[in-house]
N, C-alpha and C. Protein backbone atom coordinates (compact mmCIF):
# COMPACT_ATOMS: atom_id res chain seq x y z
N MET A 1 1.05 -0.77 -0.08
CA MET A 1 -0.08 -0.21 -0.09
C MET A 1 0.84 1.59 0.21
N SER A 2 0.96 2.24 -0.41
CA SER A 2 1.15 3.45 -0.75
C SER A 2 1.42 4.52 0.47
N GLU A 3 2.44 4.74 0.85
CA GLU A 3 1.85 5.85 2.01
C GLU A 3 1.00 6.93 1.81
N GLY A 4 0.61 7.73 0.82
CA GLY A 4 -0.91 8.26 0.74
C GLY A 4 -1.98 7.82 1.21
N VAL A 5 -1.74 6.38 0.58
CA VAL A 5 -2.88 5.25 0.79
C VAL A 5 -3.47 5.58 2.57
N GLU A 6 -2.23 4.69 2.99
CA GLU A 6 -2.07 4.74 4.24
C GLU A 6 -1.66 5.98 5.42
N LYS A 7 -2.16 7.49 4.69
CA LYS A 7 -2.71 8.31 5.64
C LYS A 7 -3.84 8.52 5.49
N VAL A 8 -4.34 8.54 4.27
CA VAL A 8 -6.09 8.73 3.81
C VAL A 8 -6.76 7.67 5.08
N LEU A 9 -6.08 6.69 5.13
CA LEU A 9 -7.25 5.58 6.19
C LEU A 9 -6.54 5.80 6.66
N GLU A 10 -5.57 6.43 8.11
CA GLU A 10 -5.45 6.38 8.75
C GLU A 10 -5.98 7.73 9.65
N ILE A 11 -6.29 8.30 8.81
CA ILE A 11 -7.09 9.54 9.06
C ILE A 11 -8.71 9.67 9.00
N LEU A 12 -8.80 8.64 8.40
CA LEU A 12 -10.03 7.70 7.95
C LEU A 12 -10.42 7.14 9.59
N VAL A 13 -10.03 6.38 9.99
CA VAL A 13 -9.50 5.89 10.97
C VAL A 13 -10.16 6.42 12.20
N ASN A 14 -9.61 7.65 12.76
CA ASN A 14 -9.31 9.15 13.59
C ASN A 14 -10.83 9.56 14.03
N TYR A 15 -10.68 9.60 12.39
CA TYR A 15 -12.47 10.58 12.59
C TYR A 15 -13.42 9.37 12.58
N ALA A 16 -13.51 8.00 12.99
CA ALA A 16 -13.92 6.98 12.74
C ALA A 16 -13.75 7.37 14.39
N ASN A 17 -13.30 7.04 15.07
CA ASN A 17 -12.63 7.16 16.32
C ASN A 17 -13.44 7.74 17.00
N ALA A 18 -13.33 9.45 16.72
CA ALA A 18 -13.47 10.66 16.92
C ALA A 18 -15.31 11.00 17.45
N GLN A 19 -15.49 9.98 16.03
CA GLN A 19 -17.26 10.12 15.59
C GLN A 19 -17.63 9.43 16.82
N GLU A 20 -17.39 8.17 17.10
CA GLU A 20 -17.76 6.99 18.38
C GLU A 20 -17.83 7.79 19.60
N ALA A 21 -16.82 8.47 19.62
CA ALA A 21 -16.29 8.92 21.27
C ALA A 21 -17.21 10.32 21.60
N ALA A 22 -17.45 10.68 20.12
CA ALA A 22 -18.33 12.35 20.45
C ALA A 22 -20.41 11.68 20.46
N ALA A 23 -20.06 10.12 20.16
CA ALA A 23 -21.87 9.34 19.91
C ALA A 23 -21.27 8.72 21.92
N VAL A 24 -20.73 8.54 22.26
CA VAL A 24 -20.73 7.89 23.29
C VAL A 24 -20.60 9.28 24.44
N ASP A 25 -20.33 10.12 23.93
CA ASP A 25 -20.11 10.97 25.36
C ASP A 25 -21.96 12.09 25.55
N LEU A 26 -22.75 12.16 23.75
CA LEU A 26 -23.57 12.41 23.59
C LEU A 26 -24.53 11.74 24.37
N LYS A 27 -24.75 9.95 24.79
CA LYS A 27 -24.98 9.16 25.10
C LYS A 27 -25.42 9.18 27.14
N HIS A 28 -24.18 10.11 27.32
CA HIS A 28 -24.09 9.71 28.62
C HIS A 28 -24.61 11.13 29.03
N ARG A 29 -24.27 11.97 28.03
CA ARG A 29 -25.34 13.84 28.33
C ARG A 29 -26.70 13.70 28.27
N ILE A 30 -27.47 12.97 27.41
CA ILE A 30 -28.85 12.55 27.07
C ILE A 30 -29.37 11.57 28.80
N VAL A 31 -28.36 10.89 29.20
CA VAL A 31 -29.18 9.87 30.04
C VAL A 31 -28.75 11.14 31.37
N GLU A 32 -27.79 11.72 31.38
CA GLU A 32 -27.66 12.94 32.61
C GLU A 32 -28.84 13.71 32.64
N LEU A 33 -29.16 14.25 31.94
CA LEU A 33 -30.72 15.58 31.21
C LEU A 33 -31.91 14.40 31.58
N VAL A 34 -32.16 13.47 31.07
CA VAL A 34 -33.56 12.40 31.56
C VAL A 34 -33.65 11.80 32.34
N GLY A 35 -32.19 11.71 33.28
CA GLY A 35 -32.24 11.21 34.99
C GLY A 35 -31.98 9.39 34.40
N VAL A 36 -31.84 8.32 33.45
CA VAL A 36 -32.18 7.02 33.34
C VAL A 36 -30.48 6.84 33.15
N LYS A 37 -30.91 4.80 34.03
CA LYS A 37 -29.95 5.01 34.92
C LYS A 37 -29.57 3.75 33.56
N GLU A 38 -27.99 3.97 33.27
CA GLU A 38 -27.86 2.80 32.15
C GLU A 38 -27.08 1.28 32.70
N SER A 39 -27.83 0.60 31.97
CA SER A 39 -27.81 -0.69 32.69
C SER A 39 -26.12 -1.07 32.05
N ALA A 40 -25.54 -2.08 32.48
CA ALA A 40 -24.32 -2.29 31.57
C ALA A 40 -24.60 -3.61 30.90
N ALA A 41 -24.19 -3.75 29.62
CA ALA A 41 -23.92 -4.54 28.29
C ALA A 41 -23.38 -5.57 28.64
N VAL A 42 -22.33 -5.57 29.93
CA VAL A 42 -22.29 -7.38 30.03
C VAL A 42 -22.07 -7.82 31.66
N LYS A 43 -22.16 -8.56 31.81
CA LYS A 43 -21.53 -10.00 32.96
C LYS A 43 -20.18 -9.26 33.28
N GLU A 44 -20.55 -8.95 35.11
CA GLU A 44 -19.21 -8.64 35.22
C GLU A 44 -18.40 -9.56 35.31
N GLU A 45 -18.07 -10.85 35.21
CA GLU A 45 -16.90 -12.02 35.01
C GLU A 45 -16.81 -11.77 33.91
N THR A 46 -16.65 -11.36 32.38
CA THR A 46 -15.72 -10.49 31.39
C THR A 46 -14.90 -9.61 32.26
N PHE A 47 -14.63 -8.60 33.69
CA PHE A 47 -13.50 -8.21 34.49
C PHE A 47 -13.33 -9.67 35.07
N ASN A 48 -13.95 -10.44 35.96
CA ASN A 48 -13.28 -10.89 37.35
C ASN A 48 -12.58 -11.77 37.01
N ILE A 49 -12.33 -12.51 35.72
CA ILE A 49 -11.58 -13.68 35.37
C ILE A 49 -10.31 -12.65 34.54
N LEU A 50 -9.59 -10.98 35.15
CA LEU A 50 -8.35 -10.77 35.29
C LEU A 50 -7.61 -10.88 36.52
N LYS A 51 -6.74 -10.83 36.07
CA LYS A 51 -6.20 -11.23 37.49
C LYS A 51 -5.66 -9.31 37.70
N TRP A 52 -5.89 -9.41 39.65
CA TRP A 52 -6.03 -7.82 40.28
C TRP A 52 -4.96 -8.06 41.16
N GLU A 53 -4.02 -7.25 41.11
CA GLU A 53 -3.45 -6.82 42.50
C GLU A 53 -3.85 -5.69 43.48
N LYS A 54 -4.21 -5.61 44.81
CA LYS A 54 -4.44 -5.18 45.58
C LYS A 54 -3.55 -3.64 45.78
N GLN A 55 -4.11 -2.79 45.95
CA GLN A 55 -3.80 -1.61 45.91
C GLN A 55 -4.04 -0.72 47.11
N THR A 56 -2.91 0.55 47.93
CA THR A 56 -3.88 1.25 48.60
C THR A 56 -3.83 2.85 48.42
N GLY A 57 -4.81 3.48 48.32
CA GLY A 57 -4.15 5.05 47.84
C GLY A 57 -4.60 6.06 48.83
N SER A 58 -4.15 7.28 49.05
CA SER A 58 -4.52 8.43 50.28
C SER A 58 -5.56 8.72 50.34
N ARG A 59 -6.39 8.67 48.97
CA ARG A 59 -7.61 9.46 48.19
C ARG A 59 -8.73 8.63 48.37
N ILE A 60 -8.37 7.53 47.62
CA ILE A 60 -9.65 6.16 47.42
C ILE A 60 -9.65 5.07 48.21
N GLY A 61 -8.24 5.02 48.89
CA GLY A 61 -8.39 3.91 49.86
C GLY A 61 -8.04 3.07 48.96
N GLU A 62 -9.02 1.42 49.07
CA GLU A 62 -8.59 0.15 49.60
C GLU A 62 -9.07 -0.04 47.01
N TYR A 63 -8.35 -0.50 46.58
CA TYR A 63 -8.55 -0.57 45.12
C TYR A 63 -7.68 -1.55 44.75
N GLU A 64 -8.50 -1.80 43.32
CA GLU A 64 -7.09 -2.97 42.85
C GLU A 64 -6.98 -2.76 41.39
N VAL A 65 -5.91 -3.06 40.44
CA VAL A 65 -5.20 -2.72 39.46
C VAL A 65 -5.26 -4.19 38.93
N ALA A 66 -5.73 -4.38 37.64
CA ALA A 66 -5.21 -5.40 36.94
C ALA A 66 -4.10 -4.55 34.99
N TYR A 67 -3.09 -5.38 35.26
CA TYR A 67 -2.14 -4.94 34.09
C TYR A 67 -2.59 -5.90 32.64
N LYS A 68 -2.22 -5.18 31.81
CA LYS A 68 -2.13 -5.43 30.37
C LYS A 68 -0.89 -7.13 30.44
N THR A 69 0.40 -6.55 31.26
CA THR A 69 1.31 -7.85 30.91
C THR A 69 0.78 -8.17 31.52
N HIS A 70 -0.04 -8.76 32.87
CA HIS A 70 -0.25 -9.62 33.63
C HIS A 70 -1.27 -10.96 33.50
N ASN A 71 -1.96 -9.97 32.04
CA ASN A 71 -3.49 -10.57 31.44
C ASN A 71 -3.15 -11.56 30.28
N ILE A 72 -4.34 -12.40 30.14
CA ILE A 72 -4.32 -13.05 28.84
C ILE A 72 -4.91 -12.01 28.09
N PRO A 73 -3.77 -11.32 26.91
CA PRO A 73 -3.97 -10.82 26.11
C PRO A 73 -5.68 -9.90 25.78
N ASP A 74 -6.43 -11.01 24.97
CA ASP A 74 -7.69 -11.17 24.31
C ASP A 74 -8.54 -10.63 25.85
N LYS A 75 -8.91 -11.44 26.60
CA LYS A 75 -9.42 -11.47 27.94
C LYS A 75 -9.28 -9.46 28.13
N TRP A 76 -8.04 -9.87 28.97
CA TRP A 76 -7.72 -8.25 28.99
C TRP A 76 -8.39 -7.10 28.00
N SER A 77 -7.55 -6.83 26.63
CA SER A 77 -8.40 -6.25 25.38
C SER A 77 -9.70 -5.70 25.98
N GLN A 78 -10.44 -6.77 26.02
CA GLN A 78 -11.95 -7.41 25.43
C GLN A 78 -12.42 -6.35 27.03
N ALA A 79 -11.98 -6.57 27.76
CA ALA A 79 -12.60 -5.63 29.73
C ALA A 79 -12.36 -3.97 28.64
N TYR A 80 -10.86 -4.03 28.33
CA TYR A 80 -10.65 -2.46 28.16
C TYR A 80 -11.62 -1.71 27.39
N GLY A 81 -11.57 -2.84 26.21
CA GLY A 81 -12.76 -2.31 25.22
C GLY A 81 -13.55 -1.61 25.67
N ILE A 82 -14.66 -2.23 26.80
CA ILE A 82 -15.46 -2.12 27.52
C ILE A 82 -15.29 -0.73 27.71
N LEU A 83 -14.57 -0.31 28.52
CA LEU A 83 -14.45 0.46 29.79
C LEU A 83 -14.32 1.59 28.98
N SER A 84 -13.24 1.43 27.75
CA SER A 84 -12.75 2.44 26.92
C SER A 84 -14.49 3.56 26.00
N LYS A 85 -15.20 2.37 25.49
CA LYS A 85 -16.42 2.64 24.64
C LYS A 85 -17.64 3.18 25.77
N SER A 86 -16.76 2.59 26.58
CA SER A 86 -18.04 3.73 27.98
C SER A 86 -17.37 4.89 29.09
N ASN A 87 -16.70 5.39 27.97
CA ASN A 87 -15.20 6.10 28.85
C ASN A 87 -15.34 6.38 30.57
N ALA A 88 -15.24 5.16 30.85
CA ALA A 88 -15.45 4.65 32.30
C ALA A 88 -13.85 5.70 32.57
N THR A 89 -14.63 6.39 34.06
CA THR A 89 -13.22 7.13 34.78
C THR A 89 -13.40 7.19 36.14
N ILE A 90 -12.23 7.86 36.96
CA ILE A 90 -13.18 6.89 38.43
C ILE A 90 -13.83 8.09 38.52
N ALA A 91 -14.30 9.15 37.70
CA ALA A 91 -15.47 10.36 38.16
C ALA A 91 -17.17 9.65 37.63
N SER A 92 -16.80 8.62 36.31
CA SER A 92 -17.51 8.15 35.99
C SER A 92 -17.18 6.90 35.56
N ARG A 93 -17.78 6.17 36.57
CA ARG A 93 -17.44 4.64 37.13
C ARG A 93 -18.02 3.34 36.28
N TYR A 94 -17.78 2.69 35.74
CA TYR A 94 -18.45 1.75 34.94
C TYR A 94 -19.45 0.09 36.06
N HIS A 95 -20.40 0.04 36.02
CA HIS A 95 -20.69 -0.65 37.05
C HIS A 95 -22.38 -0.82 36.51
N GLY A 96 -23.39 -2.54 36.85
CA GLY A 96 -24.02 -3.03 36.66
C GLY A 96 -24.79 -2.33 38.10
N SER A 97 -25.67 -3.31 38.41
CA SER A 97 -26.58 -2.76 39.47
C SER A 97 -26.42 -3.93 40.22
N ASP A 98 -25.96 -5.40 39.97
CA ASP A 98 -25.50 -6.26 40.20
C ASP A 98 -24.32 -7.04 40.88
N TYR A 99 -23.64 -5.75 39.89
CA TYR A 99 -21.92 -5.71 40.02
C TYR A 99 -21.36 -5.55 41.77
N ALA A 100 -20.36 -5.94 41.91
CA ALA A 100 -20.02 -5.80 43.25
C ALA A 100 -18.80 -4.95 43.03
N PHE A 101 -18.19 -4.95 42.27
CA PHE A 101 -17.23 -3.99 41.92
C PHE A 101 -18.05 -2.83 40.86
N SER A 102 -16.91 -1.62 40.65
CA SER A 102 -17.45 -0.82 39.78
C SER A 102 -15.37 -0.21 39.10
N TYR A 103 -15.65 0.19 37.82
CA TYR A 103 -14.49 -0.25 36.84
C TYR A 103 -14.58 1.32 36.21
N TRP A 104 -12.39 1.22 36.36
CA TRP A 104 -12.72 2.62 35.35
C TRP A 104 -11.11 2.43 34.35
N LEU A 105 -10.92 3.65 34.00
CA LEU A 105 -9.46 3.32 33.17
C LEU A 105 -8.84 4.46 33.57
N TYR A 106 -7.49 4.53 34.04
CA TYR A 106 -6.63 6.06 34.10
C TYR A 106 -4.84 5.33 33.56
N GLY A 107 -4.73 6.08 32.83
CA GLY A 107 -3.26 6.04 32.02
C GLY A 107 -3.70 4.94 30.81
N ASP A 108 -2.54 4.17 30.53
CA ASP A 108 -2.31 3.23 29.27
C ASP A 108 -2.23 1.56 30.35
N ALA A 109 -2.60 0.69 29.62
CA ALA A 109 -2.22 -0.39 30.03
C ALA A 109 -2.53 -1.06 31.40
N LYS A 110 -4.03 -0.52 32.02
CA LYS A 110 -4.26 -0.20 32.98
C LYS A 110 -5.52 -0.72 33.27
N ILE A 111 -6.25 -1.62 34.04
CA ILE A 111 -7.61 -1.04 34.61
C ILE A 111 -8.21 -1.36 35.94
N TYR A 112 -8.73 -0.28 36.28
CA TYR A 112 -9.00 0.22 37.63
C TYR A 112 -10.50 -0.61 38.49
N ARG A 113 -10.42 -1.10 39.53
CA ARG A 113 -11.62 -1.27 40.61
C ARG A 113 -11.65 -0.92 41.57
N GLN A 114 -12.78 -0.74 42.06
CA GLN A 114 -12.85 -0.46 43.50
C GLN A 114 -14.09 -1.10 44.29
N LYS A 115 -13.87 -2.30 44.75
CA LYS A 115 -15.57 -2.58 46.10
C LYS A 115 -16.64 -1.69 45.81
N LEU A 116 -17.76 -1.81 45.57
CA LEU A 116 -18.89 -0.61 45.68
C LEU A 116 -19.35 -0.76 46.62
N LYS A 117 -19.78 0.56 47.35
CA LYS A 117 -20.07 0.73 48.61
C LYS A 117 -21.67 0.45 48.57
N ARG A 118 -22.48 -0.59 49.28
CA ARG A 118 -23.69 -0.97 49.39
C ARG A 118 -24.33 -0.49 50.12
N ALA A 119 -25.52 0.74 50.16
CA ALA A 119 -26.39 1.35 51.19
C ALA A 119 -27.52 0.47 51.74
């Protein structure tokens, strides 16, 4: 493939990724305005099969981290992809109504989780 074609394809992929991110952001904003609770599309088992390492932070207390290098690549990539598409951050964590943990991304090659506090 010529260099020019590769550059055009790269631009198209970047554009498609930007559109996808914008669509997810729009969905989250509509949910916030309407007050509808989103439900997780996957079972928590998708995340539970990862190898987690316990850590403690001064601000958030106990949490766990799954490192890309310590996990089966396809299992880790699937979980990372779900969180990435959901724009899961520490401020907007990913979890379902029956989940034991909330999940988020921060930086590359790491997935974080923290036990949910139930009332």
